[in-house]
C-alpha atoms as a PDB file:
ATOM      1  CA  UNK A   1      27.920 -40.977  32.289  1.00  0.00           C
ATOM      2  CA  UNK A   2      24.406 -42.393  32.015  1.00  0.00           C
ATOM      3  CA  UNK A   3      21.233 -40.912  30.572  1.00  0.00           C
ATOM      4  CA  UNK A   4      18.421 -40.654  33.105  1.00  0.00           C
ATOM      5  CA  UNK A   5      15.932 -38.904  30.800  1.00  0.00           C
ATOM      6  CA  UNK A   6      15.559 -36.618  27.797  1.00  0.00           C
ATOM      7  CA  UNK A   7      12.727 -34.296  26.789  1.00  0.00           C
ATOM      8  CA  UNK A   8      12.119 -31.591  24.218  1.00  0.00           C
ATOM      9  CA  UNK A   9       9.969 -28.492  23.962  1.00  0.00           C
ATOM     10  CA  UNK A  10       8.658 -26.544  20.983  1.00  0.00           C
ATOM     11  CA  UNK A  11       6.758 -23.248  20.885  1.00  0.00           C
ATOM     12  CA  UNK A  12       3.061 -23.626  20.189  1.00  0.00           C
ATOM     13  CA  UNK A  13       3.202 -21.480  17.053  1.00  0.00           C
ATOM     14  CA  UNK A  14       3.920 -23.709  14.015  1.00  0.00           C
ATOM     15  CA  UNK A  15       4.198 -22.573  10.402  1.00  0.00           C
ATOM     16  CA  UNK A  16       4.644 -24.368   7.111  1.00  0.00           C
ATOM     17  CA  UNK A  17       7.240 -23.064   4.690  1.00  0.00           C
ATOM     18  CA  UNK A  18       4.591 -21.635   2.295  1.00  0.00           C
ATOM     19  CA  UNK A  19       3.008 -19.860   5.287  1.00  0.00           C
ATOM     20  CA  UNK A  20       6.399 -18.335   6.090  1.00  0.00           C
ATOM     21  CA  UNK A  21       6.713 -17.152   2.502  1.00  0.00           C
ATOM     22  CA  UNK A  22       3.250 -15.594   2.555  1.00  0.00           C
ATOM     23  CA  UNK A  23       4.032 -13.786   5.802  1.00  0.00           C
ATOM     24  CA  UNK A  24       7.302 -12.392   4.459  1.00  0.00           C
ATOM     25  CA  UNK A  25       5.523 -11.328   1.291  1.00  0.00           C
ATOM     26  CA  UNK A  26       2.829  -9.533   3.336  1.00  0.00           C
ATOM     27  CA  UNK A  27       5.509  -7.776   5.366  1.00  0.00           C
ATOM     28  CA  UNK A  28       6.799  -6.103   2.223  1.00  0.00           C
ATOM     29  CA  UNK A  29      10.217  -7.722   2.603  1.00  0.00           C
ATOM     30  CA  UNK A  30      10.261  -9.228  -0.883  1.00  0.00           C
ATOM     31  CA  UNK A  31       9.567  -5.809  -2.392  1.00  0.00           C
ATOM     32  CA  UNK A  32      12.602  -4.374  -0.595  1.00  0.00           C
ATOM     33  CA  UNK A  33      14.996  -7.057  -1.856  1.00  0.00           C
ATOM     34  CA  UNK A  34      16.638  -7.545  -5.234  1.00  0.00           C
ATOM     35  CA  UNK A  35      14.743  -9.810  -7.674  1.00  0.00           C
ATOM     36  CA  UNK A  36      17.381 -12.548  -7.268  1.00  0.00           C
ATOM     37  CA  UNK A  37      16.878 -12.496  -3.489  1.00  0.00           C
ATOM     38  CA  UNK A  38      13.141 -12.844  -3.889  1.00  0.00           C
ATOM     39  CA  UNK A  39      13.736 -15.802  -6.185  1.00  0.00           C
ATOM     40  CA  UNK A  40      15.842 -17.508  -3.511  1.00  0.00           C
ATOM     41  CA  UNK A  41      13.095 -17.111  -0.910  1.00  0.00           C
ATOM     42  CA  UNK A  42      10.450 -18.341  -3.340  1.00  0.00           C
ATOM     43  CA  UNK A  43      12.516 -21.364  -4.330  1.00  0.00           C
ATOM     44  CA  UNK A  44      13.390 -22.485  -0.804  1.00  0.00           C
ATOM     45  CA  UNK A  45      10.058 -21.764   0.862  1.00  0.00           C
ATOM     46  CA  UNK A  46       7.498 -22.661  -1.781  1.00  0.00           C
ATOM     47  CA  UNK A  47       8.314 -26.037  -3.305  1.00  0.00           C
ATOM     48  CA  UNK A  48       9.741 -28.236  -0.564  1.00  0.00           C
ATOM     49  CA  UNK A  49      13.340 -27.720  -1.663  1.00  0.00           C
ATOM     50  CA  UNK A  50      14.472 -27.170   1.931  1.00  0.00           C
ATOM     51  CA  UNK A  51      13.381 -30.583   3.232  1.00  0.00           C
ATOM     52  CA  UNK A  52      11.387 -28.735   5.902  1.00  0.00           C
ATOM     53  CA  UNK A  53       7.664 -29.131   6.431  1.00  0.00           C
ATOM     54  CA  UNK A  54       7.102 -27.001   9.522  1.00  0.00           C
ATOM     55  CA  UNK A  55       9.012 -24.731  11.863  1.00  0.00           C
ATOM     56  CA  UNK A  56       8.045 -23.514  15.333  1.00  0.00           C
ATOM     57  CA  UNK A  57       8.513 -19.976  16.618  1.00  0.00           C
ATOM     58  CA  UNK A  58       8.064 -18.211  19.949  1.00  0.00           C
ATOM     59  CA  UNK A  59       5.920 -15.568  18.234  1.00  0.00           C
ATOM     60  CA  UNK A  60       2.445 -15.744  16.761  1.00  0.00           C
ATOM     61  CA  UNK A  61       3.355 -13.788  13.623  1.00  0.00           C
ATOM     62  CA  UNK A  62       6.356 -14.053  11.322  1.00  0.00           C
ATOM     63  CA  UNK A  63       5.899 -10.886   9.295  1.00  0.00           C
ATOM     64  CA  UNK A  64       7.172  -8.354  11.891  1.00  0.00           C
ATOM     65  CA  UNK A  65      10.264 -10.354  12.895  1.00  0.00           C
ATOM     66  CA  UNK A  66      12.709  -8.861  10.392  1.00  0.00           C
ATOM     67  CA  UNK A  67      11.571  -5.329  11.235  1.00  0.00           C
ATOM     68  CA  UNK A  68      12.353  -5.544  14.953  1.00  0.00           C
ATOM     69  CA  UNK A  69      15.153  -3.474  16.435  1.00  0.00           C
ATOM     70  CA  UNK A  70      18.064  -4.852  18.450  1.00  0.00           C
ATOM     71  CA  UNK A  71      16.552  -3.876  21.809  1.00  0.00           C
ATOM     72  CA  UNK A  72      13.239  -5.543  21.025  1.00  0.00           C
ATOM     73  CA  UNK A  73      14.984  -8.720  19.860  1.00  0.00           C
ATOM     74  CA  UNK A  74      17.097  -8.857  23.026  1.00  0.00           C
ATOM     75  CA  UNK A  75      14.034  -8.481  25.206  1.00  0.00           C
ATOM     76  CA  UNK A  76      12.258 -11.154  23.181  1.00  0.00           C
ATOM     77  CA  UNK A  77      15.113 -13.607  23.759  1.00  0.00           C
ATOM     78  CA  UNK A  78      15.266 -12.810  27.485  1.00  0.00           C
ATOM     79  CA  UNK A  79      11.545 -13.460  27.809  1.00  0.00           C
ATOM     80  CA  UNK A  80      11.239 -16.612  25.698  1.00  0.00           C
ATOM     81  CA  UNK A  81      14.489 -18.582  26.159  1.00  0.00           C
ATOM     82  CA  UNK A  82      13.971 -19.310  29.892  1.00  0.00           C
ATOM     83  CA  UNK A  83      10.364 -20.356  29.248  1.00  0.00           C
ATOM     84  CA  UNK A  84      11.337 -22.822  26.518  1.00  0.00           C
ATOM     85  CA  UNK A  85      14.324 -24.163  28.475  1.00  0.00           C
ATOM     86  CA  UNK A  86      12.263 -24.499  31.643  1.00  0.00           C
ATOM     87  CA  UNK A  87       9.542 -26.425  29.838  1.00  0.00           C
ATOM     88  CA  UNK A  88      12.028 -28.936  28.438  1.00  0.00           C
ATOM     89  CA  UNK A  89      13.737 -29.390  31.827  1.00  0.00           C
ATOM     90  CA  UNK A  90      10.422 -29.805  33.677  1.00  0.00           C
ATOM     91  CA  UNK A  91       9.448 -32.601  31.285  1.00  0.00           C
ATOM     92  CA  UNK A  92      12.846 -34.282  31.687  1.00  0.00           C
ATOM     93  CA  UNK A  93      12.561 -34.124  35.478  1.00  0.00           C
ATOM     94  CA  UNK A  94       9.097 -35.689  35.378  1.00  0.00           C
ATOM     95  CA  UNK A  95      10.359 -38.457  33.104  1.00  0.00           C
ATOM     96  CA  UNK A  96      13.243 -39.199  35.485  1.00  0.00           C
ATOM     97  CA  UNK A  97      11.015 -39.042  38.575  1.00  0.00           C
ATOM     98  CA  UNK A  98      13.090 -36.198  40.021  1.00  0.00           C
ATOM     99  CA  UNK A  99      12.399 -32.798  41.534  1.00  0.00           C
ATOM    100  CA  UNK A 100      14.269 -29.648  40.553  1.00  0.00           C
ATOM    101  CA  UNK A 101      15.872 -29.683  44.011  1.00  0.00           C
ATOM    102  CA  UNK A 102      17.517 -33.028  43.167  1.00  0.00           C
ATOM    103  CA  UNK A 103      19.753 -31.382  40.565  1.00  0.00           C
ATOM    104  CA  UNK A 104      23.343 -30.633  41.536  1.00  0.00           C
ATOM    105  CA  UNK A 105      24.242 -28.792  38.340  1.00  0.00           C
ATOM    106  CA  UNK A 106      22.473 -27.211  35.359  1.00  0.00           C
ATOM    107  CA  UNK A 107      24.325 -26.493  32.117  1.00  0.00           C
ATOM    108  CA  UNK A 108      22.689 -24.453  29.357  1.00  0.00           C
ATOM    109  CA  UNK A 109      23.982 -23.733  25.855  1.00  0.00           C
ATOM    110  CA  UNK A 110      22.632 -21.116  23.487  1.00  0.00           C
ATOM    111  CA  UNK A 111      23.895 -18.805  20.743  1.00  0.00           C
ATOM    112  CA  UNK A 112      20.805 -16.867  19.650  1.00  0.00           C
ATOM    113  CA  UNK A 113      20.915 -14.309  22.454  1.00  0.00           C
ATOM    114  CA  UNK A 114      23.057 -13.071  25.302  1.00  0.00           C
ATOM    115  CA  UNK A 115      22.094 -12.589  28.954  1.00  0.00           C
ATOM    116  CA  UNK A 116      24.225 -11.805  31.980  1.00  0.00           C
ATOM    117  CA  UNK A 117      23.520 -13.588  34.257  1.00  0.00           C
ATOM    118  CA  UNK A 118      22.748 -16.286  31.744  1.00  0.00           C
ATOM    119  CA  UNK A 119      19.628 -18.263  30.929  1.00  0.00           C
ATOM    120  CA  UNK A 120      20.566 -20.728  33.693  1.00  0.00           C
ATOM    121  CA  UNK A 121      19.873 -18.082  36.357  1.00  0.00           C
ATOM    122  CA  UNK A 122      16.374 -17.504  35.013  1.00  0.00           C
ATOM    123  CA  UNK A 123      15.635 -21.240  34.743  1.00  0.00           C
ATOM    124  CA  UNK A 124      16.925 -21.840  38.281  1.00  0.00           C
ATOM    125  CA  UNK A 125      14.537 -19.208  39.623  1.00  0.00           C
ATOM    126  CA  UNK A 126      11.612 -20.422  37.534  1.00  0.00           C
ATOM    127  CA  UNK A 127      11.945 -24.092  38.551  1.00  0.00           C
ATOM    128  CA  UNK A 128      13.165 -23.654  42.132  1.00  0.00           C
ATOM    129  CA  UNK A 129      16.610 -25.206  41.674  1.00  0.00           C
ATOM    130  CA  UNK A 130      18.689 -25.292  44.884  1.00  0.00           C
ATOM    131  CA  UNK A 131      20.754 -22.155  45.598  1.00  0.00           C
ATOM    132  CA  UNK A 132      23.913 -24.274  45.943  1.00  0.00           C
ATOM    133  CA  UNK A 133      23.471 -26.017  42.569  1.00  0.00           C
ATOM    134  CA  UNK A 134      26.200 -25.251  40.042  1.00  0.00           C
ATOM    135  CA  UNK A 135      25.015 -23.188  37.069  1.00  0.00           C
ATOM    136  CA  UNK A 136      26.985 -22.860  33.835  1.00  0.00           C
ATOM    137  CA  UNK A 137      26.128 -21.137  30.562  1.00  0.00           C
ATOM    138  CA  UNK A 138      27.953 -22.088  27.364  1.00  0.00           C
ATOM    139  CA  UNK A 139      27.810 -19.427  24.643  1.00  0.00           C
ATOM    140  CA  UNK A 140      29.554 -18.938  21.328  1.00  0.00           C
ATOM    141  CA  UNK A 141      29.621 -22.594  20.258  1.00  0.00           C
ATOM    142  CA  UNK A 142      26.816 -22.277  17.713  1.00  0.00           C
ATOM    143  CA  UNK A 143      24.892 -25.240  16.341  1.00  0.00           C
ATOM    144  CA  UNK A 144      27.412 -27.757  17.653  1.00  0.00           C
ATOM    145  CA  UNK A 145      27.117 -26.799  21.339  1.00  0.00           C
ATOM    146  CA  UNK A 146      25.047 -29.689  22.737  1.00  0.00           C
ATOM    147  CA  UNK A 147      27.834 -32.280  22.563  1.00  0.00           C
ATOM    148  CA  UNK A 148      30.583 -30.130  24.194  1.00  0.00           C
ATOM    149  CA  UNK A 149      27.998 -29.369  26.887  1.00  0.00           C
ATOM    150  CA  UNK A 150      27.548 -33.104  27.436  1.00  0.00           C
ATOM    151  CA  UNK A 151      31.324 -33.396  27.709  1.00  0.00           C
ATOM    152  CA  UNK A 152      31.292 -30.751  30.463  1.00  0.00           C
ATOM    153  CA  UNK A 153      28.594 -32.724  32.265  1.00  0.00           C
ATOM    154  CA  UNK A 154      30.796 -35.820  32.117  1.00  0.00           C
ATOM    155  CA  UNK A 155      33.574 -33.852  33.791  1.00  0.00           C
ATOM    156  CA  UNK A 156      31.271 -32.623  36.557  1.00  0.00           C
ATOM    157  CA  UNK A 157      30.078 -36.160  37.280  1.00  0.00           C
ATOM    158  CA  UNK A 158      33.660 -37.399  37.433  1.00  0.00           C
ATOM    159  CA  UNK A 159      34.564 -34.610  39.859  1.00  0.00           C
ATOM    160  CA  UNK A 160      31.533 -35.153  42.097  1.00  0.00           C
ATOM    161  CA  UNK A 161      30.264 -38.763  41.969  1.00  0.00           C
ATOM    162  CA  UNK A 162      26.636 -39.291  42.805  1.00  0.00           C
ATOM    163  CA  UNK A 163      25.494 -36.015  41.273  1.00  0.00           C
ATOM    164  CA  UNK A 164      22.568 -35.351  38.977  1.00  0.00           C
ATOM    165  CA  UNK A 165      23.423 -32.982  36.111  1.00  0.00           C
ATOM    166  CA  UNK A 166      20.979 -31.407  33.680  1.00  0.00           C
ATOM    167  CA  UNK A 167      21.995 -30.184  30.234  1.00  0.00           C
ATOM    168  CA  UNK A 168      19.705 -27.894  28.243  1.00  0.00           C
ATOM    169  CA  UNK A 169      20.165 -26.707  24.669  1.00  0.00           C
ATOM    170  CA  UNK A 170      17.826 -23.813  23.919  1.00  0.00           C
ATOM    171  CA  UNK A 171      17.638 -21.558  20.885  1.00  0.00           C
ATOM    172  CA  UNK A 172      15.234 -18.774  19.987  1.00  0.00           C
ATOM    173  CA  UNK A 173      16.379 -18.502  16.394  1.00  0.00           C
ATOM    174  CA  UNK A 174      13.522 -16.126  15.629  1.00  0.00           C
ATOM    175  CA  UNK A 175      15.329 -13.607  17.866  1.00  0.00           C
ATOM    176  CA  UNK A 176      18.240 -13.748  15.409  1.00  0.00           C
ATOM    177  CA  UNK A 177      16.396 -13.464  12.108  1.00  0.00           C
ATOM    178  CA  UNK A 178      17.876 -10.929   9.748  1.00  0.00           C
ATOM    179  CA  UNK A 179      17.195 -10.060   6.135  1.00  0.00           C
ATOM    180  CA  UNK A 180      19.295  -8.551   3.374  1.00  0.00           C
ATOM    181  CA  UNK A 181      20.393  -9.556  -0.124  1.00  0.00           C
ATOM    182  CA  UNK A 182      23.160 -11.919   0.986  1.00  0.00           C
ATOM    183  CA  UNK A 183      22.228 -15.490  -0.107  1.00  0.00           C
ATOM    184  CA  UNK A 184      23.527 -17.020   3.143  1.00  0.00           C
ATOM    185  CA  UNK A 185      21.403 -14.662   5.221  1.00  0.00           C
ATOM    186  CA  UNK A 186      18.332 -15.524   3.151  1.00  0.00           C
ATOM    187  CA  UNK A 187      18.931 -19.269   3.434  1.00  0.00           C
ATOM    188  CA  UNK A 188      19.242 -18.878   7.208  1.00  0.00           C
ATOM    189  CA  UNK A 189      15.887 -17.099   7.251  1.00  0.00           C
ATOM    190  CA  UNK A 190      14.396 -20.137   5.510  1.00  0.00           C
ATOM    191  CA  UNK A 191      15.921 -22.888   7.689  1.00  0.00           C
ATOM    192  CA  UNK A 192      15.932 -22.014  11.364  1.00  0.00           C
ATOM    193  CA  UNK A 193      13.293 -22.590  14.037  1.00  0.00           C
ATOM    194  CA  UNK A 194      12.982 -22.372  17.824  1.00  0.00           C
ATOM    195  CA  UNK A 195      13.272 -25.274  20.270  1.00  0.00           C
ATOM    196  CA  UNK A 196      14.823 -26.680  23.438  1.00  0.00           C
ATOM    197  CA  UNK A 197      16.040 -30.093  24.584  1.00  0.00           C
ATOM    198  CA  UNK A 198      16.904 -31.122  28.140  1.00  0.00           C
ATOM    199  CA  UNK A 199      18.652 -34.251  29.391  1.00  0.00           C
ATOM    200  CA  UNK A 200      19.497 -35.461  32.883  1.00  0.00           C
ATOM    201  CA  UNK A 201      22.701 -37.399  33.498  1.00  0.00           C
ATOM    202  CA  UNK A 202      24.188 -39.362  36.387  1.00  0.00           C
ATOM    203  CA  UNK A 203      27.048 -41.753  37.047  1.00  0.00           C
ATOM    204  CA  UNK A 204      24.608 -44.498  38.039  1.00  0.00           C
ATOM    205  CA  UNK A 205      24.702 -47.560  35.727  1.00  0.00           C
ATOM    206  CA  UNK A 206      21.768 -49.858  35.173  1.00  0.00           C
ATOM    207  CA  UNK A 207      20.551 -52.605  32.872  1.00  0.00           C
ATOM    208  CA  UNK A 208      19.474 -51.176  29.547  1.00  0.00           C
ATOM    209  CA  UNK A 209      20.590 -47.660  30.439  1.00  0.00           C
ATOM    210  CA  UNK A 210      22.362 -45.636  27.746  1.00  0.00           C
ATOM    211  CA  UNK A 211      25.887 -44.447  28.489  1.00  0.00           C
ATOM    212  CA  UNK A 212      27.649 -41.513  26.786  1.00  0.00           C
ATOM    213  CA  UNK A 213      31.379 -41.159  26.334  1.00  0.00           C
ATOM    214  CA  UNK A 214      34.315 -41.199  23.905  1.00  0.00           C
ATOM    215  CA  UNK A 215      33.982 -37.494  23.084  1.00  0.00           C
ATOM    216  CA  UNK A 216      35.952 -35.985  20.213  1.00  0.00           C
ATOM    217  CA  UNK A 217      36.303 -32.506  18.750  1.00  0.00           C
ATOM    218  CA  UNK A 218      37.889 -30.980  15.670  1.00  0.00           C
ATOM    219  CA  UNK A 219      38.092 -27.262  14.938  1.00  0.00           C
ATOM    220  CA  UNK A 220      39.410 -25.345  11.951  1.00  0.00           C
ATOM    221  CA  UNK A 221      39.622 -21.625  12.795  1.00  0.00           C
ATOM    222  CA  UNK A 222      40.823 -20.835   9.283  1.00  0.00           C
ATOM    223  CA  UNK A 223      37.227 -21.474   8.213  1.00  0.00           C
ATOM    224  CA  UNK A 224      35.718 -19.293  10.926  1.00  0.00           C
ATOM    225  CA  UNK A 225      34.262 -16.773   8.485  1.00  0.00           C
ATOM    226  CA  UNK A 226      32.345 -19.488   6.617  1.00  0.00           C
ATOM    227  CA  UNK A 227      29.712 -19.793   9.353  1.00  0.00           C
ATOM    228  CA  UNK A 228      29.329 -17.421  12.264  1.00  0.00           C
ATOM    229  CA  UNK A 229      27.211 -14.668  13.749  1.00  0.00           C
ATOM    230  CA  UNK A 230      28.341 -11.111  13.065  1.00  0.00           C
ATOM    231  CA  UNK A 231      27.040  -7.897  14.598  1.00  0.00           C
ATOM    232  CA  UNK A 232      24.826  -5.842  12.302  1.00  0.00           C
ATOM    233  CA  UNK A 233      23.636  -2.665  14.040  1.00  0.00           C
ATOM    234  CA  UNK A 234      23.315  -4.573  17.312  1.00  0.00           C
ATOM    235  CA  UNK A 235      21.487  -7.503  15.718  1.00  0.00           C
ATOM    236  CA  UNK A 236      22.792 -11.008  15.116  1.00  0.00           C
ATOM    237  CA  UNK A 237      23.355 -11.673  11.418  1.00  0.00           C
ATOM    238  CA  UNK A 238      24.153 -15.231  10.388  1.00  0.00           C
ATOM    239  CA  UNK A 239      27.074 -15.466   7.987  1.00  0.00           C
ATOM    240  CA  UNK A 240      26.624 -18.698   6.015  1.00  0.00           C
ATOM    241  CA  UNK A 241      28.874 -19.715   3.135  1.00  0.00           C
ATOM    242  CA  UNK A 242      27.905 -22.151   0.387  1.00  0.00           C
ATOM    243  CA  UNK A 243      30.960 -24.247   1.360  1.00  0.00           C
ATOM    244  CA  UNK A 244      29.403 -25.246   4.707  1.00  0.00           C
ATOM    245  CA  UNK A 245      27.942 -28.633   3.607  1.00  0.00           C
ATOM    246  CA  UNK A 246      31.366 -29.730   2.353  1.00  0.00           C
ATOM    247  CA  UNK A 247      33.117 -28.449   5.483  1.00  0.00           C
ATOM    248  CA  UNK A 248      30.631 -30.291   7.675  1.00  0.00           C
ATOM    249  CA  UNK A 249      31.085 -33.545   5.745  1.00  0.00           C
ATOM    250  CA  UNK A 250      34.875 -33.271   5.924  1.00  0.00           C
ATOM    251  CA  UNK A 251      34.889 -32.621   9.681  1.00  0.00           C
ATOM    252  CA  UNK A 252      32.311 -35.326  10.434  1.00  0.00           C
ATOM    253  CA  UNK A 253      34.278 -37.845   8.369  1.00  0.00           C
ATOM    254  CA  UNK A 254      37.410 -37.002  10.348  1.00  0.00           C
ATOM    255  CA  UNK A 255      35.601 -37.515  13.648  1.00  0.00           C
ATOM    256  CA  UNK A 256      33.974 -40.746  12.483  1.00  0.00           C
ATOM    257  CA  UNK A 257      37.433 -42.184  11.927  1.00  0.00           C
ATOM    258  CA  UNK A 258      38.103 -41.769  15.665  1.00  0.00           C
ATOM    259  CA  UNK A 259      35.134 -43.847  16.842  1.00  0.00           C
ATOM    260  CA  UNK A 260      35.781 -46.856  19.047  1.00  0.00           C
ATOM    261  CA  UNK A 261      33.223 -49.162  17.455  1.00  0.00           C
ATOM    262  CA  UNK A 262      30.768 -49.538  14.603  1.00  0.00           C
ATOM    263  CA  UNK A 263      27.449 -47.818  15.443  1.00  0.00           C
ATOM    264  CA  UNK A 264      24.009 -49.129  14.627  1.00  0.00           C
ATOM    265  CA  UNK A 265      22.870 -45.592  13.935  1.00  0.00           C
ATOM    266  CA  UNK A 266      24.290 -42.096  13.378  1.00  0.00           C
ATOM    267  CA  UNK A 267      22.482 -39.103  14.864  1.00  0.00           C
ATOM    268  CA  UNK A 268      23.516 -35.715  13.526  1.00  0.00           C
ATOM    269  CA  UNK A 269      22.664 -32.050  13.780  1.00  0.00           C
ATOM    270  CA  UNK A 270      19.942 -31.191  11.256  1.00  0.00           C
ATOM    271  CA  UNK A 271      21.865 -28.410   9.551  1.00  0.00           C
ATOM    272  CA  UNK A 272      19.868 -28.507   6.336  1.00  0.00           C
ATOM    273  CA  UNK A 273      19.053 -30.743   3.393  1.00  0.00           C
ATOM    274  CA  UNK A 274      22.360 -30.111   1.607  1.00  0.00           C
ATOM    275  CA  UNK A 275      24.336 -30.702   4.807  1.00  0.00           C
ATOM    276  CA  UNK A 276      22.580 -34.012   5.476  1.00  0.00           C
ATOM    277  CA  UNK A 277      23.179 -35.200   1.924  1.00  0.00           C
ATOM    278  CA  UNK A 278      26.864 -34.235   2.103  1.00  0.00           C
ATOM    279  CA  UNK A 279      27.326 -36.180   5.337  1.00  0.00           C
ATOM    280  CA  UNK A 280      25.510 -39.230   3.993  1.00  0.00           C
ATOM    281  CA  UNK A 281      27.982 -39.279   1.101  1.00  0.00           C
ATOM    282  CA  UNK A 282      30.933 -39.758   3.483  1.00  0.00           C
ATOM    283  CA  UNK A 283      29.348 -42.069   6.075  1.00  0.00           C
ATOM    284  CA  UNK A 284      27.978 -45.604   5.653  1.00  0.00           C
ATOM    285  CA  UNK A 285      24.693 -44.584   7.313  1.00  0.00           C
ATOM    286  CA  UNK A 286      21.458 -42.845   6.408  1.00  0.00           C
ATOM    287  CA  UNK A 287      20.466 -40.028   8.746  1.00  0.00           C
ATOM    288  CA  UNK A 288      16.772 -40.889   9.024  1.00  0.00           C
ATOM    289  CA  UNK A 289      16.245 -39.465  12.524  1.00  0.00           C
ATOM    290  CA  UNK A 290      18.070 -36.290  11.524  1.00  0.00           C
ATOM    291  CA  UNK A 291      15.936 -35.904   8.397  1.00  0.00           C
ATOM    292  CA  UNK A 292      12.811 -36.335  10.502  1.00  0.00           C
ATOM    293  CA  UNK A 293      13.905 -33.534  12.846  1.00  0.00           C
ATOM    294  CA  UNK A 294      14.606 -31.231   9.900  1.00  0.00           C
ATOM    295  CA  UNK A 295      11.239 -32.027   8.299  1.00  0.00           C
ATOM    296  CA  UNK A 296       9.170 -31.403  11.446  1.00  0.00           C
ATOM    297  CA  UNK A 297      11.163 -28.644  13.160  1.00  0.00           C
ATOM    298  CA  UNK A 298      13.693 -27.137  10.762  1.00  0.00           C
ATOM    299  CA  UNK A 299      17.222 -26.372  11.912  1.00  0.00           C
ATOM    300  CA  UNK A 300      16.966 -25.427  15.606  1.00  0.00           C
ATOM    301  CA  UNK A 301      20.720 -25.005  16.007  1.00  0.00           C
ATOM    302  CA  UNK A 302      22.085 -26.637  19.188  1.00  0.00           C
ATOM    303  CA  UNK A 303      18.975 -28.626  20.282  1.00  0.00           C
ATOM    304  CA  UNK A 304      18.682 -30.401  16.919  1.00  0.00           C
ATOM    305  CA  UNK A 305      20.967 -33.359  17.656  1.00  0.00           C
ATOM    306  CA  UNK A 306      19.198 -33.936  20.985  1.00  0.00           C
ATOM    307  CA  UNK A 307      15.840 -33.988  19.181  1.00  0.00           C
ATOM    308  CA  UNK A 308      17.317 -36.716  16.961  1.00  0.00           C
ATOM    309  CA  UNK A 309      18.442 -38.602  20.081  1.00  0.00           C
ATOM    310  CA  UNK A 310      14.949 -38.410  21.576  1.00  0.00           C
ATOM    311  CA  UNK A 311      13.458 -39.809  18.363  1.00  0.00           C
ATOM    312  CA  UNK A 312      16.028 -42.602  18.248  1.00  0.00           C
ATOM    313  CA  UNK A 313      15.266 -43.580  21.836  1.00  0.00           C
ATOM    314  CA  UNK A 314      11.578 -43.880  20.963  1.00  0.00           C
ATOM    315  CA  UNK A 315      12.412 -46.472  18.288  1.00  0.00           C
ATOM    316  CA  UNK A 316      15.675 -47.978  19.523  1.00  0.00           C
ATOM    317  CA  UNK A 317      14.582 -51.577  18.815  1.00  0.00           C
ATOM    318  CA  UNK A 318      17.675 -53.784  19.111  1.00  0.00           C
ATOM    319  CA  UNK A 319      20.252 -50.989  18.743  1.00  0.00           C
ATOM    320  CA  UNK A 320      23.160 -51.120  21.177  1.00  0.00           C
ATOM    321  CA  UNK A 321      25.501 -48.343  19.961  1.00  0.00           C
ATOM    322  CA  UNK A 322      24.989 -44.902  18.418  1.00  0.00           C
ATOM    323  CA  UNK A 323      27.331 -42.200  17.189  1.00  0.00           C
ATOM    324  CA  UNK A 324      26.286 -38.550  17.649  1.00  0.00           C
ATOM    325  CA  UNK A 325      27.721 -35.529  15.882  1.00  0.00           C
ATOM    326  CA  UNK A 326      27.036 -31.784  15.799  1.00  0.00           C
ATOM    327  CA  UNK A 327      28.878 -28.971  14.080  1.00  0.00           C
ATOM    328  CA  UNK A 328      28.798 -25.279  13.278  1.00  0.00           C
ATOM    329  CA  UNK A 329      30.498 -21.995  14.140  1.00  0.00           C
ATOM    330  CA  UNK A 330      34.237 -22.176  14.399  1.00  0.00           C
ATOM    331  CA  UNK A 331      34.328 -24.103  12.065  1.00  0.00           C
ATOM    332  CA  UNK A 332      34.043 -26.834  14.686  1.00  0.00           C
ATOM    333  CA  UNK A 333      32.547 -30.299  14.899  1.00  0.00           C
ATOM    334  CA  UNK A 334      32.011 -32.608  17.859  1.00  0.00           C
ATOM    335  CA  UNK A 335      31.042 -36.207  18.420  1.00  0.00           C
ATOM    336  CA  UNK A 336      30.395 -38.779  21.108  1.00  0.00           C
ATOM    337  CA  UNK A 337      29.269 -42.365  21.345  1.00  0.00           C
ATOM    338  CA  UNK A 338      26.332 -43.790  23.235  1.00  0.00           C
ATOM    339  CA  UNK A 339      25.961 -47.453  24.037  1.00  0.00           C
ATOM    340  CA  UNK A 340      23.447 -49.504  25.964  1.00  0.00           C
ATOM    341  CA  UNK A 341      24.627 -51.122  29.182  1.00  0.00           C
ATOM    342  CA  UNK A 342      23.912 -54.835  29.462  1.00  0.00           C
END
C-alpha cells in the first residue's frame, strides 16, 4: 500500500519536566508518597534524566490529574480523544487534497480509554465521513498498535482495490495517569504524553511515493505481566517492569532479522531513554528521529512511531528504504518496511 499523507496533532498545553514536577509537588502528591518514591520523581523530572524536554496534555493543569475518579477520567477521554484524532485526520486530508467523504475506511487504535461505540464513531460524526464507510477500532494493543493497524489497512486495500483508508493512532495518556509507590507506575507518570497521528493510504503507486509492506509480528505472552494496564478501582494503572528495555531490544532484534533489505534508517516507538539505548545496542542504527520525538513529546504510546515517520519524511534526503518498529503490551512487537517507489 502507498502513503498518500501523514499528519500529527498535539494538545495546546505543553509542560516541561520541571513544570510537571512542580505541579505534582503543589498537588501534595509527593507528601503522600514514600521518600523513595519522591526521590524517583525528583530524579526523573528535574535533571533531564528522562531524555524528555516537553510533554503535551489535553488539560491545562497537571496537578489535579492523579486525584480524578474513574468516571471523570472516562468522560475526559471521551471528550478529548475524538477531538485530537479528528484534528490529525483533518490535517492529513488537507495534505492529501481529499475530503472526508472520499474515505472508504477509517481505522483507529487507542489503549488509554474505552468507548462503545469506539472513537471512530465520534470522528466519523465530527468530520462528516460517509455513512457507508467502514469503521474499525483496535484496542488492547498498547504502544505497539500503529503498525498492526497499518497491516489491517493493507488487508482492506487488497480486498477492495481503489479505496482510500485512513489510520489514526490517538492516545490521551493523561486520562490514564495513576500514582502510587510502585516504581513502574511512577516512571509511567514521568514519561507519557498525549498525541495523535493520522495517515491516509491507497493502492495507487506513483513516482517517489512511499510504499509500506513486509509486516512482521512477534509476541511473548509469558511476559504479559511485564507491561500492561491493570484495573485499579476502575482506573487504568500502567504495570511497567524494569525488564522492559531488554525485552524490547530482544523482540526488535528478532524482527530486524526478518527484514527483506538493509534500511537507510530505523524508526521506532519512543518508549523511553532506556528503551532507545537498549535497541541501539542491538541494531546497527541510531534512532535519531525517535529520540527527537521523545525529547519534544515524551512517550505518546501508539502515535509515537508515526510521529517519527512524519519527521523522517520531512528530512528524507536520498533515503530509499526505512524499517519501522513498535512494541508494548503483550509483550508484543511489530515491524514493517517502507520503501520509495522509483
